[in-house]
Amino acid sequence: MSTNEMQHEDHLKIVFERLNTYGLKINISKSVFEVEEIEFLGYLISKEGSKPLPEKVKAITNYKKPETLHDLRIFLGMINFYRRYLKDAAKNQALLQDYLKGAKKRDKRKIQWTKEAAVRKL
């Protein structure tokens, strides 16, 4: 990781030389340089690491309680992408996955929530 602008330029030269050595090309017009953080593949990347995009977190936290099995499948897909940031994600998702056992992909049956599921939060 670069600690200053000059070192950053040196690191870029090394990367460009390595790409050239292996015959790889980059599209400069699609490239971004000298930024503190950048959105990449659904994550916000910075020197501190990665984190979920704020608008995606908002979409998940504002998602209404799933009423049908199809809604639940959509919700699980949303949170599965960011499971690495969720405490006890596997345990909590397993409880929700149990509702989908034997269900077809677009099953519109209503969910009968249990008390255990009602008090748990992801």
PDB file of N, CA and C in Angstrom:
ATOM      1  N   MET A   1       0.842  -1.169   0.000  1.00  0.00           N
ATOM      2  CA  MET A   1       0.000   0.000   0.000  1.00  0.00           C
ATOM      3  C   MET A   1       0.891   1.237   0.000  1.00  0.00           C
ATOM      4  N   SER A   2       0.515   2.179  -0.798  1.00  0.00           N
ATOM      5  CA  SER A   2       1.280   3.423  -0.920  1.00  0.00           C
ATOM      6  C   SER A   2       1.025   4.318   0.281  1.00  0.00           C
ATOM      7  N   THR A   3       2.106   4.939   0.773  1.00  0.00           N
ATOM      8  CA  THR A   3       1.960   5.845   1.915  1.00  0.00           C
ATOM      9  C   THR A   3       1.951   7.310   1.501  1.00  0.00           C
ATOM     10  N   ASN A   4       2.385   7.581   0.260  1.00  0.00           N
ATOM     11  CA  ASN A   4       2.350   8.956  -0.243  1.00  0.00           C
ATOM     12  C   ASN A   4       2.173   8.925  -1.763  1.00  0.00           C
ATOM     13  N   GLU A   5       2.004  10.106  -2.346  1.00  0.00           N
ATOM     14  CA  GLU A   5       1.715  10.201  -3.781  1.00  0.00           C
ATOM     15  C   GLU A   5       2.876   9.687  -4.642  1.00  0.00           C
ATOM     16  N   MET A   6       4.105  10.003  -4.249  1.00  0.00           N
ATOM     17  CA  MET A   6       5.266   9.565  -5.020  1.00  0.00           C
ATOM     18  C   MET A   6       5.381   8.036  -5.013  1.00  0.00           C
ATOM     19  N   GLN A   7       5.184   7.464  -3.849  1.00  0.00           N
ATOM     20  CA  GLN A   7       5.234   6.005  -3.740  1.00  0.00           C
ATOM     21  C   GLN A   7       4.092   5.373  -4.544  1.00  0.00           C
ATOM     22  N   HIS A   8       2.954   6.023  -4.541  1.00  0.00           N
ATOM     23  CA  HIS A   8       1.810   5.534  -5.311  1.00  0.00           C
ATOM     24  C   HIS A   8       2.150   5.496  -6.803  1.00  0.00           C
ATOM     25  N   GLU A   9       2.800   6.552  -7.294  1.00  0.00           N
ATOM     26  CA  GLU A   9       3.209   6.583  -8.700  1.00  0.00           C
ATOM     27  C   GLU A   9       4.198   5.460  -9.009  1.00  0.00           C
ATOM     28  N   ASP A  10       5.139   5.215  -8.089  1.00  0.00           N
ATOM     29  CA  ASP A  10       6.093   4.109  -8.273  1.00  0.00           C
ATOM     30  C   ASP A  10       5.365   2.771  -8.334  1.00  0.00           C
ATOM     31  N   HIS A  11       4.389   2.593  -7.458  1.00  0.00           N
ATOM     32  CA  HIS A  11       3.617   1.345  -7.451  1.00  0.00           C
ATOM     33  C   HIS A  11       2.835   1.175  -8.751  1.00  0.00           C
ATOM     34  N   LEU A  12       2.277   2.271  -9.247  1.00  0.00           N
ATOM     35  CA  LEU A  12       1.554   2.204 -10.522  1.00  0.00           C
ATOM     36  C   LEU A  12       2.485   1.802 -11.663  1.00  0.00           C
ATOM     37  N   LYS A  13       3.688   2.367 -11.685  1.00  0.00           N
ATOM     38  CA  LYS A  13       4.663   2.006 -12.725  1.00  0.00           C
ATOM     39  C   LYS A  13       4.971   0.510 -12.676  1.00  0.00           C
ATOM     40  N   ILE A  14       5.152  -0.016 -11.475  1.00  0.00           N
ATOM     41  CA  ILE A  14       5.437  -1.447 -11.315  1.00  0.00           C
ATOM     42  C   ILE A  14       4.277  -2.281 -11.854  1.00  0.00           C
ATOM     43  N   VAL A  15       3.067  -1.881 -11.517  1.00  0.00           N
ATOM     44  CA  VAL A  15       1.881  -2.610 -11.993  1.00  0.00           C
ATOM     45  C   VAL A  15       1.796  -2.553 -13.510  1.00  0.00           C
ATOM     46  N   PHE A  16       1.981  -1.369 -14.086  1.00  0.00           N
ATOM     47  CA  PHE A  16       1.906  -1.226 -15.546  1.00  0.00           C
ATOM     48  C   PHE A  16       2.992  -2.043 -16.242  1.00  0.00           C
ATOM     49  N   GLU A  17       4.194  -2.048 -15.674  1.00  0.00           N
ATOM     50  CA  GLU A  17       5.282  -2.854 -16.249  1.00  0.00           C
ATOM     51  C   GLU A  17       4.942  -4.343 -16.196  1.00  0.00           C
ATOM     52  N   ARG A  18       4.387  -4.780 -15.086  1.00  0.00           N
ATOM     53  CA  ARG A  18       4.017  -6.193 -14.934  1.00  0.00           C
ATOM     54  C   ARG A  18       2.920  -6.570 -15.925  1.00  0.00           C
ATOM     55  N   LEU A  19       1.937  -5.707 -16.082  1.00  0.00           N
ATOM     56  CA  LEU A  19       0.877  -5.954 -17.063  1.00  0.00           C
ATOM     57  C   LEU A  19       1.460  -6.058 -18.468  1.00  0.00           C
ATOM     58  N   ASN A  20       2.364  -5.146 -18.793  1.00  0.00           N
ATOM     59  CA  ASN A  20       2.997  -5.140 -20.109  1.00  0.00           C
ATOM     60  C   ASN A  20       3.818  -6.414 -20.329  1.00  0.00           C
ATOM     61  N   THR A  21       4.543  -6.847 -19.312  1.00  0.00           N
ATOM     62  CA  THR A  21       5.358  -8.061 -19.402  1.00  0.00           C
ATOM     63  C   THR A  21       4.510  -9.261 -19.798  1.00  0.00           C
ATOM     64  N   TYR A  22       3.310  -9.336 -19.261  1.00  0.00           N
ATOM     65  CA  TYR A  22       2.433 -10.480 -19.527  1.00  0.00           C
ATOM     66  C   TYR A  22       1.429 -10.217 -20.654  1.00  0.00           C
ATOM     67  N   GLY A  23       1.619  -9.105 -21.362  1.00  0.00           N
ATOM     68  CA  GLY A  23       0.775  -8.818 -22.515  1.00  0.00           C
ATOM     69  C   GLY A  23      -0.655  -8.441 -22.169  1.00  0.00           C
ATOM     70  N   LEU A  24      -0.851  -7.940 -20.969  1.00  0.00           N
ATOM     71  CA  LEU A  24      -2.193  -7.529 -20.543  1.00  0.00           C
ATOM     72  C   LEU A  24      -2.372  -6.033 -20.752  1.00  0.00           C
ATOM     73  N   LYS A  25      -3.571  -5.650 -21.113  1.00  0.00           N
ATOM     74  CA  LYS A  25      -3.869  -4.240 -21.354  1.00  0.00           C
ATOM     75  C   LYS A  25      -5.027  -3.808 -20.467  1.00  0.00           C
ATOM     76  N   ILE A  26      -5.004  -2.538 -20.081  1.00  0.00           N
ATOM     77  CA  ILE A  26      -6.129  -1.981 -19.333  1.00  0.00           C
ATOM     78  C   ILE A  26      -6.713  -0.828 -20.136  1.00  0.00           C
ATOM     79  N   ASN A  27      -7.982  -0.586 -19.911  1.00  0.00           N
ATOM     80  CA  ASN A  27      -8.656   0.528 -20.564  1.00  0.00           C
ATOM     81  C   ASN A  27      -8.536   1.738 -19.634  1.00  0.00           C
ATOM     82  N   ILE A  28      -7.665   2.655 -19.977  1.00  0.00           N
ATOM     83  CA  ILE A  28      -7.406   3.826 -19.132  1.00  0.00           C
ATOM     84  C   ILE A  28      -8.673   4.640 -18.892  1.00  0.00           C
ATOM     85  N   SER A  29      -9.555   4.723 -19.903  1.00  0.00           N
ATOM     86  CA  SER A  29     -10.772   5.528 -19.738  1.00  0.00           C
ATOM     87  C   SER A  29     -11.726   4.912 -18.710  1.00  0.00           C
ATOM     88  N   LYS A  30     -11.566   3.625 -18.418  1.00  0.00           N
ATOM     89  CA  LYS A  30     -12.412   2.972 -17.416  1.00  0.00           C
ATOM     90  C   LYS A  30     -11.689   2.815 -16.078  1.00  0.00           C
ATOM     91  N   SER A  31     -10.481   3.341 -15.985  1.00  0.00           N
ATOM     92  CA  SER A  31      -9.669   3.196 -14.779  1.00  0.00           C
ATOM     93  C   SER A  31      -9.790   4.426 -13.891  1.00  0.00           C
ATOM     94  N   VAL A  32      -9.605   4.220 -12.595  1.00  0.00           N
ATOM     95  CA  VAL A  32      -9.680   5.306 -11.621  1.00  0.00           C
ATOM     96  C   VAL A  32      -8.414   5.262 -10.776  1.00  0.00           C
ATOM     97  N   PHE A  33      -7.756   6.402 -10.637  1.00  0.00           N
ATOM     98  CA  PHE A  33      -6.514   6.479  -9.876  1.00  0.00           C
ATOM     99  C   PHE A  33      -6.614   7.571  -8.815  1.00  0.00           C
ATOM    100  N   GLU A  34      -5.780   7.438  -7.787  1.00  0.00           N
ATOM    101  CA  GLU A  34      -5.627   8.443  -6.738  1.00  0.00           C
ATOM    102  C   GLU A  34      -6.937   8.807  -6.045  1.00  0.00           C
ATOM    103  N   VAL A  35      -7.664   7.803  -5.611  1.00  0.00           N
ATOM    104  CA  VAL A  35      -8.886   8.037  -4.837  1.00  0.00           C
ATOM    105  C   VAL A  35      -8.747   7.348  -3.478  1.00  0.00           C
ATOM    106  N   GLU A  36      -9.412   7.879  -2.473  1.00  0.00           N
ATOM    107  CA  GLU A  36      -9.361   7.304  -1.130  1.00  0.00           C
ATOM    108  C   GLU A  36     -10.178   6.017  -1.022  1.00  0.00           C
ATOM    109  N   GLU A  37     -11.310   5.985  -1.742  1.00  0.00           N
ATOM    110  CA  GLU A  37     -12.150   4.791  -1.751  1.00  0.00           C
ATOM    111  C   GLU A  37     -12.869   4.699  -3.083  1.00  0.00           C
ATOM    112  N   ILE A  38     -13.293   3.471  -3.404  1.00  0.00           N
ATOM    113  CA  ILE A  38     -13.931   3.240  -4.697  1.00  0.00           C
ATOM    114  C   ILE A  38     -14.952   2.116  -4.567  1.00  0.00           C
ATOM    115  N   GLU A  39     -16.038   2.242  -5.316  1.00  0.00           N
ATOM    116  CA  GLU A  39     -17.028   1.167  -5.389  1.00  0.00           C
ATOM    117  C   GLU A  39     -16.520   0.131  -6.375  1.00  0.00           C
ATOM    118  N   PHE A  40     -16.557  -1.134  -5.953  1.00  0.00           N
ATOM    119  CA  PHE A  40     -16.101  -2.212  -6.828  1.00  0.00           C
ATOM    120  C   PHE A  40     -16.874  -3.478  -6.502  1.00  0.00           C
ATOM    121  N   LEU A  41     -17.570  -3.992  -7.497  1.00  0.00           N
ATOM    122  CA  LEU A  41     -18.319  -5.250  -7.383  1.00  0.00           C
ATOM    123  C   LEU A  41     -19.224  -5.303  -6.155  1.00  0.00           C
ATOM    124  N   GLY A  42     -19.918  -4.211  -5.882  1.00  0.00           N
ATOM    125  CA  GLY A  42     -20.883  -4.194  -4.786  1.00  0.00           C
ATOM    126  C   GLY A  42     -20.298  -3.870  -3.423  1.00  0.00           C
ATOM    127  N   TYR A  43     -19.025  -3.492  -3.387  1.00  0.00           N
ATOM    128  CA  TYR A  43     -18.367  -3.155  -2.125  1.00  0.00           C
ATOM    129  C   TYR A  43     -17.735  -1.775  -2.228  1.00  0.00           C
ATOM    130  N   LEU A  44     -17.512  -1.163  -1.077  1.00  0.00           N
ATOM    131  CA  LEU A  44     -16.781   0.088  -0.997  1.00  0.00           C
ATOM    132  C   LEU A  44     -15.387  -0.277  -0.491  1.00  0.00           C
ATOM    133  N   ILE A  45     -14.364  -0.078  -1.330  1.00  0.00           N
ATOM    134  CA  ILE A  45     -13.002  -0.486  -1.014  1.00  0.00           C
ATOM    135  C   ILE A  45     -12.183   0.745  -0.639  1.00  0.00           C
ATOM    136  N   SER A  46     -11.460   0.641   0.490  1.00  0.00           N
ATOM    137  CA  SER A  46     -10.573   1.721   0.920  1.00  0.00           C
ATOM    138  C   SER A  46      -9.343   1.090   1.556  1.00  0.00           C
ATOM    139  N   LYS A  47      -8.436   1.916   2.068  1.00  0.00           N
ATOM    140  CA  LYS A  47      -7.239   1.366   2.704  1.00  0.00           C
ATOM    141  C   LYS A  47      -7.582   0.606   3.989  1.00  0.00           C
ATOM    142  N   GLU A  48      -8.740   0.887   4.572  1.00  0.00           N
ATOM    143  CA  GLU A  48      -9.169   0.166   5.771  1.00  0.00           C
ATOM    144  C   GLU A  48      -9.717  -1.226   5.449  1.00  0.00           C
ATOM    145  N   GLY A  49     -10.065  -1.455   4.196  1.00  0.00           N
ATOM    146  CA  GLY A  49     -10.629  -2.745   3.790  1.00  0.00           C
ATOM    147  C   GLY A  49     -11.886  -2.542   2.961  1.00  0.00           C
ATOM    148  N   SER A  50     -12.778  -3.501   3.053  1.00  0.00           N
ATOM    149  CA  SER A  50     -14.022  -3.410   2.284  1.00  0.00           C
ATOM    150  C   SER A  50     -15.212  -3.335   3.229  1.00  0.00           C
ATOM    151  N   LYS A  51     -16.283  -2.746   2.723  1.00  0.00           N
ATOM    152  CA  LYS A  51     -17.537  -2.706   3.472  1.00  0.00           C
ATOM    153  C   LYS A  51     -18.676  -2.663   2.463  1.00  0.00           C
ATOM    154  N   PRO A  52     -19.866  -3.034   2.897  1.00  0.00           N
ATOM    155  CA  PRO A  52     -21.005  -3.007   1.974  1.00  0.00           C
ATOM    156  C   PRO A  52     -21.350  -1.578   1.569  1.00  0.00           C
ATOM    157  N   LEU A  53     -21.914  -1.452   0.378  1.00  0.00           N
ATOM    158  CA  LEU A  53     -22.352  -0.135  -0.085  1.00  0.00           C
ATOM    159  C   LEU A  53     -23.502   0.357   0.797  1.00  0.00           C
ATOM    160  N   PRO A  54     -23.460   1.610   1.242  1.00  0.00           N
ATOM    161  CA  PRO A  54     -24.507   2.136   2.125  1.00  0.00           C
ATOM    162  C   PRO A  54     -25.919   1.985   1.559  1.00  0.00           C
ATOM    163  N   GLU A  55     -26.094   2.184   0.254  1.00  0.00           N
ATOM    164  CA  GLU A  55     -27.438   2.066  -0.324  1.00  0.00           C
ATOM    165  C   GLU A  55     -27.939   0.624  -0.297  1.00  0.00           C
ATOM    166  N   LYS A  56     -27.027  -0.344  -0.351  1.00  0.00           N
ATOM    167  CA  LYS A  56     -27.424  -1.758  -0.276  1.00  0.00           C
ATOM    168  C   LYS A  56     -27.821  -2.115   1.155  1.00  0.00           C
ATOM    169  N   VAL A  57     -27.073  -1.587   2.123  1.00  0.00           N
ATOM    170  CA  VAL A  57     -27.411  -1.818   3.532  1.00  0.00           C
ATOM    171  C   VAL A  57     -28.785  -1.226   3.825  1.00  0.00           C
ATOM    172  N   LYS A  58     -29.036  -0.031   3.299  1.00  0.00           N
ATOM    173  CA  LYS A  58     -30.333   0.625   3.502  1.00  0.00           C
ATOM    174  C   LYS A  58     -31.456  -0.208   2.885  1.00  0.00           C
ATOM    175  N   ALA A  59     -31.220  -0.750   1.690  1.00  0.00           N
ATOM    176  CA  ALA A  59     -32.238  -1.578   1.031  1.00  0.00           C
ATOM    177  C   ALA A  59     -32.551  -2.815   1.860  1.00  0.00           C
ATOM    178  N   ILE A  60     -31.532  -3.394   2.479  1.00  0.00           N
ATOM    179  CA  ILE A  60     -31.745  -4.589   3.305  1.00  0.00           C
ATOM    180  C   ILE A  60     -32.470  -4.226   4.593  1.00  0.00           C
ATOM    181  N   THR A  61     -32.013  -3.173   5.270  1.00  0.00           N
ATOM    182  CA  THR A  61     -32.639  -2.809   6.547  1.00  0.00           C
ATOM    183  C   THR A  61     -34.066  -2.297   6.373  1.00  0.00           C
ATOM    184  N   ASN A  62     -34.376  -1.728   5.204  1.00  0.00           N
ATOM    185  CA  ASN A  62     -35.731  -1.232   4.945  1.00  0.00           C
ATOM    186  C   ASN A  62     -36.633  -2.269   4.285  1.00  0.00           C
ATOM    187  N   TYR A  63     -36.096  -3.452   4.011  1.00  0.00           N
ATOM    188  CA  TYR A  63     -36.885  -4.490   3.349  1.00  0.00           C
ATOM    189  C   TYR A  63     -38.006  -4.935   4.287  1.00  0.00           C
ATOM    190  N   LYS A  64     -39.211  -4.965   3.763  1.00  0.00           N
ATOM    191  CA  LYS A  64     -40.342  -5.364   4.616  1.00  0.00           C
ATOM    192  C   LYS A  64     -40.212  -6.840   5.004  1.00  0.00           C
ATOM    193  N   LYS A  65     -40.815  -7.190   6.117  1.00  0.00           N
ATOM    194  CA  LYS A  65     -40.785  -8.583   6.562  1.00  0.00           C
ATOM    195  C   LYS A  65     -41.395  -9.453   5.463  1.00  0.00           C
ATOM    196  N   PRO A  66     -40.649 -10.462   4.999  1.00  0.00           N
ATOM    197  CA  PRO A  66     -41.171 -11.313   3.922  1.00  0.00           C
ATOM    198  C   PRO A  66     -42.500 -11.962   4.316  1.00  0.00           C
ATOM    199  N   GLU A  67     -43.469 -11.881   3.413  1.00  0.00           N
ATOM    200  CA  GLU A  67     -44.784 -12.467   3.676  1.00  0.00           C
ATOM    201  C   GLU A  67     -44.959 -13.811   2.983  1.00  0.00           C
ATOM    202  N   THR A  68     -44.271 -13.992   1.847  1.00  0.00           N
ATOM    203  CA  THR A  68     -44.386 -15.254   1.105  1.00  0.00           C
ATOM    204  C   THR A  68     -43.017 -15.919   1.023  1.00  0.00           C
ATOM    205  N   LEU A  69     -43.024 -17.189   0.653  1.00  0.00           N
ATOM    206  CA  LEU A  69     -41.767 -17.910   0.498  1.00  0.00           C
ATOM    207  C   LEU A  69     -40.909 -17.270  -0.597  1.00  0.00           C
ATOM    208  N   HIS A  70     -41.552 -16.773  -1.637  1.00  0.00           N
ATOM    209  CA  HIS A  70     -40.822 -16.093  -2.714  1.00  0.00           C
ATOM    210  C   HIS A  70     -40.135 -14.827  -2.186  1.00  0.00           C
ATOM    211  N   ASP A  71     -40.848 -14.043  -1.379  1.00  0.00           N
ATOM    212  CA  ASP A  71     -40.265 -12.842  -0.767  1.00  0.00           C
ATOM    213  C   ASP A  71     -39.062 -13.214   0.104  1.00  0.00           C
ATOM    214  N   LEU A  72     -39.195 -14.300   0.856  1.00  0.00           N
ATOM    215  CA  LEU A  72     -38.114 -14.749   1.730  1.00  0.00           C
ATOM    216  C   LEU A  72     -36.890 -15.142   0.908  1.00  0.00           C
ATOM    217  N   ARG A  73     -37.112 -15.815  -0.201  1.00  0.00           N
ATOM    218  CA  ARG A  73     -36.002 -16.222  -1.070  1.00  0.00           C
ATOM    219  C   ARG A  73     -35.257 -14.982  -1.598  1.00  0.00           C
ATOM    220  N   ILE A  74     -35.999 -13.955  -1.968  1.00  0.00           N
ATOM    221  CA  ILE A  74     -35.386 -12.701  -2.440  1.00  0.00           C
ATOM    222  C   ILE A  74     -34.569 -12.062  -1.318  1.00  0.00           C
ATOM    223  N   PHE A  75     -35.146 -11.996  -0.126  1.00  0.00           N
ATOM    224  CA  PHE A  75     -34.457 -11.401   1.016  1.00  0.00           C
ATOM    225  C   PHE A  75     -33.173 -12.160   1.343  1.00  0.00           C
ATOM    226  N   LEU A  76     -33.242 -13.487   1.358  1.00  0.00           N
ATOM    227  CA  LEU A  76     -32.053 -14.288   1.647  1.00  0.00           C
ATOM    228  C   LEU A  76     -30.968 -14.055   0.601  1.00  0.00           C
ATOM    229  N   GLY A  77     -31.361 -13.877  -0.646  1.00  0.00           N
ATOM    230  CA  GLY A  77     -30.388 -13.564  -1.690  1.00  0.00           C
ATOM    231  C   GLY A  77     -29.690 -12.240  -1.441  1.00  0.00           C
ATOM    232  N   MET A  78     -30.452 -11.263  -0.971  1.00  0.00           N
ATOM    233  CA  MET A  78     -29.881  -9.942  -0.685  1.00  0.00           C
ATOM    234  C   MET A  78     -28.865 -10.017   0.449  1.00  0.00           C
ATOM    235  N   ILE A  79     -29.242 -10.667   1.547  1.00  0.00           N
ATOM    236  CA  ILE A  79     -28.339 -10.690   2.701  1.00  0.00           C
ATOM    237  C   ILE A  79     -27.185 -11.669   2.504  1.00  0.00           C
ATOM    238  N   ASN A  80     -27.375 -12.670   1.673  1.00  0.00           N
ATOM    239  CA  ASN A  80     -26.305 -13.640   1.450  1.00  0.00           C
ATOM    240  C   ASN A  80     -25.078 -12.978   0.827  1.00  0.00           C
ATOM    241  N   PHE A  81     -25.283 -11.985  -0.016  1.00  0.00           N
ATOM    242  CA  PHE A  81     -24.169 -11.294  -0.661  1.00  0.00           C
ATOM    243  C   PHE A  81     -23.248 -10.642   0.374  1.00  0.00           C
ATOM    244  N   TYR A  82     -23.815 -10.158   1.464  1.00  0.00           N
ATOM    245  CA  TYR A  82     -23.038  -9.463   2.493  1.00  0.00           C
ATOM    246  C   TYR A  82     -22.902 -10.274   3.781  1.00  0.00           C
ATOM    247  N   ARG A  83     -23.065 -11.585   3.721  1.00  0.00           N
ATOM    248  CA  ARG A  83     -23.052 -12.425   4.922  1.00  0.00           C
ATOM    249  C   ARG A  83     -21.777 -12.290   5.743  1.00  0.00           C
ATOM    250  N   ARG A  84     -20.663 -11.961   5.107  1.00  0.00           N
ATOM    251  CA  ARG A  84     -19.403 -11.848   5.842  1.00  0.00           C
ATOM    252  C   ARG A  84     -19.424 -10.708   6.854  1.00  0.00           C
ATOM    253  N   TYR A  85     -20.348  -9.775   6.711  1.00  0.00           N
ATOM    254  CA  TYR A  85     -20.449  -8.644   7.633  1.00  0.00           C
ATOM    255  C   TYR A  85     -21.520  -8.864   8.706  1.00  0.00           C
ATOM    256  N   LEU A  86     -22.231  -9.973   8.634  1.00  0.00           N
ATOM    257  CA  LEU A  86     -23.326 -10.249   9.569  1.00  0.00           C
ATOM    258  C   LEU A  86     -22.884 -11.236  10.639  1.00  0.00           C
ATOM    259  N   LYS A  87     -23.062 -10.857  11.877  1.00  0.00           N
ATOM    260  CA  LYS A  87     -22.717 -11.739  12.988  1.00  0.00           C
ATOM    261  C   LYS A  87     -23.663 -12.944  12.990  1.00  0.00           C
ATOM    262  N   ASP A  88     -23.107 -14.133  13.158  1.00  0.00           N
ATOM    263  CA  ASP A  88     -23.876 -15.389  13.200  1.00  0.00           C
ATOM    264  C   ASP A  88     -24.760 -15.562  11.966  1.00  0.00           C
ATOM    265  N   ALA A  89     -24.273 -15.121  10.823  1.00  0.00           N
ATOM    266  CA  ALA A  89     -25.074 -15.165   9.593  1.00  0.00           C
ATOM    267  C   ALA A  89     -25.535 -16.582   9.266  1.00  0.00           C
ATOM    268  N   ALA A  90     -24.641 -17.549   9.325  1.00  0.00           N
ATOM    269  CA  ALA A  90     -25.000 -18.919   8.940  1.00  0.00           C
ATOM    270  C   ALA A  90     -26.107 -19.468   9.836  1.00  0.00           C
ATOM    271  N   LYS A  91     -25.989 -19.237  11.135  1.00  0.00           N
ATOM    272  CA  LYS A  91     -26.992 -19.740  12.083  1.00  0.00           C
ATOM    273  C   LYS A  91     -28.353 -19.084  11.839  1.00  0.00           C
ATOM    274  N   ASN A  92     -28.349 -17.779  11.658  1.00  0.00           N
ATOM    275  CA  ASN A  92     -29.606 -17.062  11.437  1.00  0.00           C
ATOM    276  C   ASN A  92     -30.216 -17.379  10.077  1.00  0.00           C
ATOM    277  N   GLN A  93     -29.378 -17.511   9.063  1.00  0.00           N
ATOM    278  CA  GLN A  93     -29.895 -17.839   7.741  1.00  0.00           C
ATOM    279  C   GLN A  93     -30.433 -19.262   7.707  1.00  0.00           C
ATOM    280  N   ALA A  94     -29.824 -20.165   8.464  1.00  0.00           N
ATOM    281  CA  ALA A  94     -30.300 -21.550   8.489  1.00  0.00           C
ATOM    282  C   ALA A  94     -31.734 -21.606   8.996  1.00  0.00           C
ATOM    283  N   LEU A  95     -32.037 -20.810  10.000  1.00  0.00           N
ATOM    284  CA  LEU A  95     -33.401 -20.759  10.529  1.00  0.00           C
ATOM    285  C   LEU A  95     -34.375 -20.313   9.440  1.00  0.00           C
ATOM    286  N   LEU A  96     -33.980 -19.307   8.672  1.00  0.00           N
ATOM    287  CA  LEU A  96     -34.841 -18.813   7.598  1.00  0.00           C
ATOM    288  C   LEU A  96     -34.899 -19.796   6.431  1.00  0.00           C
ATOM    289  N   GLN A  97     -33.785 -20.459   6.147  1.00  0.00           N
ATOM    290  CA  GLN A  97     -33.751 -21.447   5.059  1.00  0.00           C
ATOM    291  C   GLN A  97     -34.710 -22.602   5.337  1.00  0.00           C
ATOM    292  N   ASP A  98     -34.912 -22.926   6.603  1.00  0.00           N
ATOM    293  CA  ASP A  98     -35.833 -24.016   6.962  1.00  0.00           C
ATOM    294  C   ASP A  98     -37.231 -23.775   6.402  1.00  0.00           C
ATOM    295  N   TYR A  99     -37.629 -22.524   6.297  1.00  0.00           N
ATOM    296  CA  TYR A  99     -38.953 -22.207   5.751  1.00  0.00           C
ATOM    297  C   TYR A  99     -39.056 -22.573   4.271  1.00  0.00           C
ATOM    298  N   LEU A 100     -37.919 -22.642   3.593  1.00  0.00           N
ATOM    299  CA  LEU A 100     -37.919 -22.900   2.149  1.00  0.00           C
ATOM    300  C   LEU A 100     -37.840 -24.382   1.794  1.00  0.00           C
ATOM    301  N   LYS A 101     -37.688 -25.244   2.789  1.00  0.00           N
ATOM    302  CA  LYS A 101     -37.572 -26.678   2.506  1.00  0.00           C
ATOM    303  C   LYS A 101     -38.805 -27.171   1.762  1.00  0.00           C
ATOM    304  N   GLY A 102     -38.553 -27.785   0.613  1.00  0.00           N
ATOM    305  CA  GLY A 102     -39.636 -28.342  -0.193  1.00  0.00           C
ATOM    306  C   GLY A 102     -40.400 -27.329  -1.024  1.00  0.00           C
ATOM    307  N   ALA A 103     -40.034 -26.065  -0.935  1.00  0.00           N
ATOM    308  CA  ALA A 103     -40.755 -25.018  -1.683  1.00  0.00           C
ATOM    309  C   ALA A 103     -40.203 -24.906  -3.100  1.00  0.00           C
ATOM    310  N   LYS A 104     -41.085 -24.604  -4.015  1.00  0.00           N
ATOM    311  CA  LYS A 104     -40.678 -24.354  -5.401  1.00  0.00           C
ATOM    312  C   LYS A 104     -40.090 -22.945  -5.484  1.00  0.00           C
ATOM    313  N   LYS A 105     -39.398 -22.668  -6.578  1.00  0.00           N
ATOM    314  CA  LYS A 105     -38.678 -21.406  -6.720  1.00  0.00           C
ATOM    315  C   LYS A 105     -39.569 -20.170  -6.568  1.00  0.00           C
ATOM    316  N   ARG A 106     -40.717 -20.151  -7.189  1.00  0.00           N
ATOM    317  CA  ARG A 106     -41.594 -18.966  -7.136  1.00  0.00           C
ATOM    318  C   ARG A 106     -42.824 -19.218  -6.259  1.00  0.00           C
ATOM    319  N   ASP A 107     -42.642 -19.988  -5.217  1.00  0.00           N
ATOM    320  CA  ASP A 107     -43.725 -20.353  -4.308  1.00  0.00           C
ATOM    321  C   ASP A 107     -44.272 -19.103  -3.621  1.00  0.00           C
ATOM    322  N   LYS A 108     -45.553 -18.846  -3.784  1.00  0.00           N
ATOM    323  CA  LYS A 108     -46.185 -17.636  -3.236  1.00  0.00           C
ATOM    324  C   LYS A 108     -46.969 -17.913  -1.950  1.00  0.00           C
ATOM    325  N   ARG A 109     -46.753 -19.105  -1.364  1.00  0.00           N
ATOM    326  CA  ARG A 109     -47.469 -19.406  -0.114  1.00  0.00           C
ATOM    327  C   ARG A 109     -47.031 -18.453   0.996  1.00  0.00           C
ATOM    328  N   LYS A 110     -47.984 -18.115   1.845  1.00  0.00           N
ATOM    329  CA  LYS A 110     -47.710 -17.243   2.991  1.00  0.00           C
ATOM    330  C   LYS A 110     -46.838 -17.982   4.000  1.00  0.00           C
ATOM    331  N   ILE A 111     -45.996 -17.227   4.694  1.00  0.00           N
ATOM    332  CA  ILE A 111     -45.129 -17.792   5.728  1.00  0.00           C
ATOM    333  C   ILE A 111     -45.854 -17.726   7.064  1.00  0.00           C
ATOM    334  N   GLN A 112     -45.825 -18.825   7.780  1.00  0.00           N
ATOM    335  CA  GLN A 112     -46.340 -18.866   9.147  1.00  0.00           C
ATOM    336  C   GLN A 112     -45.128 -18.745  10.075  1.00  0.00           C
ATOM    337  N   TRP A 113     -44.840 -17.522  10.506  1.00  0.00           N
ATOM    338  CA  TRP A 113     -43.649 -17.283  11.310  1.00  0.00           C
ATOM    339  C   TRP A 113     -43.766 -17.925  12.688  1.00  0.00           C
ATOM    340  N   THR A 114     -42.677 -18.526  13.157  1.00  0.00           N
ATOM    341  CA  THR A 114     -42.637 -19.080  14.512  1.00  0.00           C
ATOM    342  C   THR A 114     -42.205 -17.977  15.473  1.00  0.00           C
ATOM    343  N   LYS A 115     -42.419 -18.201  16.761  1.00  0.00           N
ATOM    344  CA  LYS A 115     -41.983 -17.215  17.753  1.00  0.00           C
ATOM    345  C   LYS A 115     -40.466 -17.069  17.733  1.00  0.00           C
ATOM    346  N   GLU A 116     -39.750 -18.181  17.530  1.00  0.00           N
ATOM    347  CA  GLU A 116     -38.284 -18.133  17.491  1.00  0.00           C
ATOM    348  C   GLU A 116     -37.805 -17.239  16.352  1.00  0.00           C
ATOM    349  N   ALA A 117     -38.409 -17.369  15.192  1.00  0.00           N
ATOM    350  CA  ALA A 117     -38.022 -16.559  14.035  1.00  0.00           C
ATOM    351  C   ALA A 117     -38.415 -15.104  14.239  1.00  0.00           C
ATOM    352  N   ALA A 118     -39.506 -14.869  14.905  1.00  0.00           N
ATOM    353  CA  ALA A 118     -39.999 -13.502  15.093  1.00  0.00           C
ATOM    354  C   ALA A 118     -39.070 -12.674  15.978  1.00  0.00           C
ATOM    355  N   VAL A 119     -38.434 -13.298  16.972  1.00  0.00           N
ATOM    356  CA  VAL A 119     -37.588 -12.535  17.882  1.00  0.00           C
ATOM    357  C   VAL A 119     -36.147 -12.421  17.397  1.00  0.00           C
ATOM    358  N   ARG A 120     -35.756 -13.236  16.451  1.00  0.00           N
ATOM    359  CA  ARG A 120     -34.383 -13.182  15.933  1.00  0.00           C
ATOM    360  C   ARG A 120     -34.248 -12.069  14.916  1.00  0.00           C
ATOM    361  N   LYS A 121     -33.081 -11.444  14.926  1.00  0.00           N
ATOM    362  CA  LYS A 121     -32.785 -10.410  13.928  1.00  0.00           C
ATOM    363  C   LYS A 121     -31.410 -10.693  13.365  1.00  0.00           C
ATOM    364  N   LEU A 122     -31.270 -10.443  12.053  1.00  0.00           N
ATOM    365  CA  LEU A 122     -29.958 -10.676  11.420  1.00  0.00           C
ATOM    366  C   LEU A 122     -29.010  -9.566  11.724  1.00  0.00           C
TER     367      LEU A 122
END
